[in-house]
Protein backbone atom coordinates (compact mmCIF):
# COMPACT_ATOMS: atom_id res chain seq x y z
CA MET A 1 117.73 69.31 109.61
CA ARG A 2 115.77 69.95 112.68
CA ASN A 3 118.11 68.30 114.71
CA ILE A 4 120.79 70.95 114.03
CA MET A 5 118.72 73.51 115.61
CA THR A 6 117.86 72.31 119.10
CA GLU A 7 117.11 73.99 122.18
CA SER A 8 120.70 72.80 123.50
CA ASN A 9 122.49 73.83 120.57
CA ILE A 10 121.14 77.56 120.50
CA ALA A 11 121.98 77.75 124.36
CA ARG A 12 125.41 76.65 124.03
CA ASN A 13 126.07 79.64 121.22
CA ALA A 14 123.62 82.20 123.62
CA SER A 15 126.62 83.63 125.67
CA SER A 16 129.05 84.32 122.86
CA VAL A 17 126.21 85.93 120.80
CA ARG A 18 125.10 88.24 123.54
CA PHE A 19 128.49 89.23 124.13
CA SER A 20 129.32 90.01 120.64
CA PHE A 21 125.81 91.69 120.44
CA LYS A 22 126.69 94.26 123.07
CA ILE A 23 129.92 95.37 121.86
CA PHE A 24 128.59 95.81 118.40
CA SER A 25 125.61 97.70 119.56
CA ARG A 26 127.46 100.46 121.03
CA ILE A 27 129.80 100.63 117.69
CA GLU A 28 126.54 100.76 115.71
CA GLN A 29 124.86 103.69 117.70
CA LEU A 30 128.15 105.40 116.83
CA LEU A 31 127.98 105.01 113.20
CA LYS A 32 124.56 104.85 112.59
CA ARG A 33 124.67 109.10 113.09
CA LEU A 34 127.05 109.09 110.11
CA ASP A 35 125.10 107.44 107.48
CA PHE A 36 121.49 107.35 105.63
CA ASN A 37 119.64 104.31 106.16
CA LEU A 38 118.69 102.14 102.69
CA ARG A 39 115.22 103.63 102.41
CA ASP A 40 116.72 107.12 102.69
CA LYS A 41 119.44 106.48 99.82
CA LEU A 42 117.07 104.70 97.51
CA LYS A 43 115.02 107.66 97.62
CA VAL A 44 117.91 110.00 97.05
CA GLN A 45 119.04 107.69 94.29
CA ASN A 46 115.85 106.85 92.49
CA ARG A 47 113.63 109.98 93.47
CA ASN A 48 111.84 110.14 90.41
CA GLU A 49 110.80 106.37 90.94
CA VAL A 50 109.65 106.24 94.36
CA THR A 51 106.18 106.72 93.66
CA GLY A 52 102.82 105.77 95.52
CA VAL A 53 102.90 103.23 98.44
CA GLN A 54 106.51 103.40 98.44
CA ARG A 55 106.33 106.65 99.64
CA GLU A 56 104.79 105.70 102.59
CA SER A 57 107.26 103.20 103.88
CA LYS A 58 107.85 103.57 107.76
CA SER A 59 110.53 100.53 107.98
CA GLU A 60 114.04 101.10 108.08
CA THR A 61 114.94 98.98 104.32
CA TYR A 62 111.18 99.17 102.75
CA GLN A 63 110.46 96.04 104.48
CA ASP A 64 106.76 97.18 104.67
CA PHE A 65 106.68 97.87 100.87
CA PHE A 66 108.11 94.68 100.07
CA ALA A 67 105.47 92.86 102.28
CA TYR A 68 103.04 95.01 100.74
CA GLN A 69 103.56 93.87 97.26
CA MET A 70 104.44 90.10 97.92
CA GLY A 71 100.38 90.50 99.83
CA LYS A 72 99.32 91.68 96.55
CA LEU A 73 100.72 89.04 94.50
CA SER A 74 99.80 85.99 96.84
CA LYS A 75 96.17 87.94 97.45
CA LEU A 76 96.93 87.56 101.16
CA ASN A 77 97.00 90.88 103.26
CA THR A 78 97.52 89.31 106.89
CA TYR A 79 100.30 89.44 109.02
CA LEU A 80 102.23 88.34 112.03
CA GLU A 81 104.52 90.68 113.64
CA ILE A 82 107.15 89.60 116.09
CA GLY A 83 108.90 92.17 117.69
CA ALA A 84 106.87 94.90 116.73
CA GLY A 85 108.88 97.81 118.51
CA HIS A 86 107.33 101.25 117.82
CA PRO A 87 104.02 101.39 116.24
CA SER A 88 104.87 103.75 113.46
CA ILE A 89 108.49 104.77 113.66
CA GLY A 90 110.85 102.04 111.93
CA ASN A 91 107.58 99.83 112.17
CA ASN A 92 107.07 97.15 109.29
CA THR A 93 103.21 96.76 109.59
CA TYR A 94 102.12 100.37 110.06
CA LEU A 95 101.80 100.76 106.47
CA LEU A 96 100.22 97.28 106.14
CA GLU A 97 97.46 98.22 108.64
CA ARG A 98 96.87 101.81 106.63
CA HIS A 99 95.70 99.59 103.60
CA GLY A 100 93.34 97.74 105.42
CA TRP A 101 95.56 94.40 106.49
CA ARG A 102 94.70 92.55 109.57
CA GLY A 103 97.42 91.23 111.95
CA ILE A 104 98.66 90.32 115.25
CA SER A 105 101.60 91.94 116.65
CA ILE A 106 103.86 90.78 119.42
CA GLU A 107 106.14 92.96 122.16
CA ILE A 108 107.85 92.36 125.30
CA GLU A 109 108.09 96.10 126.14
CA SER A 110 104.72 97.23 128.01
CA SER A 111 105.31 100.74 127.18
CA LEU A 112 105.56 100.33 123.61
CA VAL A 113 102.66 97.97 123.71
CA GLU A 114 100.62 100.84 125.35
CA LEU A 115 101.92 103.30 122.70
CA PHE A 116 101.00 100.91 120.12
CA GLN A 117 97.35 100.37 121.42
CA SER A 118 96.72 104.23 121.79
CA GLU A 119 97.86 104.83 117.99
CA ARG A 120 96.85 101.30 115.78
CA LYS A 121 93.70 99.36 115.40
CA ASN A 122 95.12 95.75 114.65
CA GLN A 123 95.95 93.77 117.83
CA ILE A 124 99.03 93.79 119.98
CA HIS A 125 99.66 91.43 122.73
CA LEU A 126 102.30 91.92 125.76
CA ALA A 127 103.93 88.47 125.50
CA ASP A 128 107.46 86.95 125.57
CA ALA A 129 107.92 85.88 122.17
CA ILE A 130 109.71 82.67 123.32
CA SER A 131 106.42 81.10 124.65
CA PHE A 132 103.32 82.82 122.74
CA ASP A 133 101.01 80.52 121.43
CA TYR A 134 101.43 81.25 117.71
CA LEU A 135 98.98 78.58 116.38
CA LYS A 136 96.06 79.88 118.26
CA ALA A 137 97.46 83.48 116.80
CA LEU A 138 97.39 82.67 113.49
CA LYS A 139 94.07 80.88 113.69
CA GLU A 140 92.63 84.20 114.63
CA ILE A 141 94.55 85.78 111.80
CA ASN A 142 93.34 83.06 108.95
CA GLN A 143 91.76 79.65 109.17
CA LYS A 144 93.08 78.59 106.21
CA GLY A 145 96.75 78.22 106.72
CA SER A 146 98.43 80.90 104.78
CA VAL A 147 99.31 84.17 105.81
CA GLY A 148 100.94 87.42 103.62
CA TYR A 149 103.83 88.16 106.13
CA LEU A 150 105.77 87.22 109.01
CA GLN A 151 108.40 89.46 110.53
CA ILE A 152 110.65 88.03 113.36
CA ASP A 153 112.63 90.65 114.81
CA ILE A 154 113.96 90.18 118.53
CA ASP A 155 117.02 91.64 120.32
CA PRO A 156 119.61 89.57 120.59
CA SER A 157 118.93 87.79 117.24
CA ILE A 158 119.67 84.34 119.32
CA GLN A 159 115.80 85.26 120.52
CA SER A 160 114.96 85.23 116.70
CA LEU A 161 116.27 81.97 115.87
CA ARG A 162 114.50 80.35 119.23
CA THR A 163 111.30 82.15 118.25
CA LEU A 164 111.62 80.72 114.37
CA MET A 165 111.35 77.54 116.10
CA LYS A 166 108.11 78.20 117.53
CA ILE A 167 106.50 79.12 114.41
CA PRO A 168 104.34 76.22 113.09
CA PHE A 169 105.42 76.04 109.76
CA ASP A 170 103.63 72.26 109.52
CA SER A 171 100.08 74.18 109.90
CA TYR A 172 100.90 77.80 107.79
CA LYS A 173 103.16 79.00 104.95
CA PHE A 174 103.77 82.65 104.96
CA ALA A 175 103.97 84.40 101.48
CA SER A 176 106.99 86.90 102.93
CA ILE A 177 109.44 86.62 105.64
CA THR A 178 111.69 89.16 107.32
CA PHE A 179 114.03 87.61 109.52
CA GLU A 180 116.69 89.74 111.59
CA HIS A 181 119.80 87.77 111.82
CA ASP A 182 121.99 91.09 112.97
CA VAL A 183 125.16 89.10 111.37
CA TYR A 184 127.26 92.22 111.92
CA ARG A 185 126.97 91.97 115.71
CA SER A 186 126.12 88.15 116.17
CA THR A 187 127.71 84.82 115.13
CA ARG A 188 127.24 83.63 111.48
CA LYS A 189 125.89 80.59 112.96
CA ILE A 190 122.37 82.16 113.57
CA ARG A 191 122.16 83.50 109.75
CA LYS A 192 123.16 79.97 108.39
CA ALA A 193 120.81 78.09 111.07
CA GLN A 194 117.98 80.31 109.90
CA ARG A 195 118.95 79.59 106.33
CA ARG A 196 119.22 76.18 106.49
CA TYR A 197 115.85 75.69 108.26
CA LEU A 198 113.53 77.87 106.18
CA GLN A 199 115.05 76.32 102.87
CA SER A 200 114.30 73.13 104.49
CA LEU A 201 111.01 74.13 104.62
CA GLY A 202 110.43 75.24 100.96
CA TYR A 203 111.31 78.88 101.50
CA VAL A 204 113.23 80.95 99.07
CA LEU A 205 115.93 83.29 99.76
CA LEU A 206 114.99 86.70 97.49
CA ALA A 207 117.17 89.03 99.58
CA LYS A 208 120.22 88.19 101.50
CA ASP A 209 122.36 90.43 104.22
CA VAL A 210 120.16 93.55 103.60
CA LYS A 211 121.72 96.57 104.98
CA PHE A 212 120.31 99.89 106.67
CA ASN A 213 123.72 101.66 105.67
CA LYS A 214 127.07 100.38 103.96
CA ILE A 215 128.44 98.21 106.90
CA PHE A 216 125.56 96.70 108.89
CA SER A 217 124.10 93.95 107.05
CA TYR A 218 121.31 92.50 109.26
CA GLU A 219 118.38 90.69 107.55
CA ASP A 220 117.15 88.16 105.17
CA TRP A 221 113.73 88.14 103.18
CA TRP A 222 112.13 85.18 101.90
CA ILE A 223 109.14 84.46 99.89
CA HIS A 224 107.41 81.01 99.64
CA PRO A 225 106.76 79.65 95.95
CA ASP A 226 103.64 77.85 96.78
CA LEU A 227 102.21 81.27 97.45
CA ILE A 228 104.22 83.64 94.66
CA ASP A 229 104.95 82.61 91.49
CA LEU A 230 108.77 83.33 91.12
CA ALA A 231 108.39 84.36 87.23
CA LEU A 232 106.48 87.34 88.77
CA LEU A 233 109.69 88.45 90.50
CA SER A 234 112.47 87.92 87.53
CA ASP A 235 112.76 91.79 86.74
CA PHE A 236 112.88 92.72 90.55
CA LYS A 237 115.36 90.15 91.92
CA SER A 238 119.16 91.02 91.11
CA SER A 239 122.00 88.63 90.95
CA ARG A 240 123.49 90.43 94.40
CA GLU A 241 120.13 89.40 95.79
CA HIS A 242 120.02 92.89 97.90
CA PRO A 243 117.47 95.59 97.91
CA PHE A 244 120.05 98.15 96.36
CA GLU A 245 120.52 96.07 93.26
CA MET A 246 116.89 95.52 92.94
CA LYS A 247 114.66 97.09 90.78
CA TRP A 248 112.01 98.59 92.91
CA SER A 249 109.92 100.51 90.49
CA THR A 250 108.85 96.90 88.80
CA LEU A 251 106.66 96.31 92.25
CA GLU A 252 104.89 99.61 91.94
CA LYS A 253 102.30 98.43 89.65
């Protein structure tokens, strides 16, 4: 399985991925102005069901609330955030930090790192995700080999795939993972490779092709059955495996 995702294979696909990514990114900026994101749609459609911690969500599609609830189920309140972006707007760990989670974030843009340091308490590193020492960082978060949440979100998504290969999965398991494959503006090969790789490591795809509007499928959500009992999520997960079809109120307990 690992031979399928060698650096040489990834490099051969990089050029076409970047070209597609650039074109669709421009289209995205236009169309995003015409639609709600998923989080806002859910709040409108399920106004009476969105309560408690879920109301505090800062993510585009409730990734933070999802990670928070998986942390409760696994009793793990730690995270590794790769591609932090803005410290609060659209951020997947702002809510977690506010509720006492410890974690480390990684960001390559110096201006965003400075802003993060001025607004947040948890660590952030100004670093290239491809060459970062993840084993050292994970040991700082948790010496026991289990972490609550892993985010991988780097543009273009070929870089997310390369980063995925750098995570020391032989030493650490994650209760939940969100991986941004950006299939709408990248090749399907990235999404497929990511899925085959994580499935080979024992992870379960809980929500696939998450959308932040009606058009753009951009992310997969995973959990590890060694850390979370799948039976506890039977009422949440739908046959379509997408957050629009999931019963979010079952997580708010």
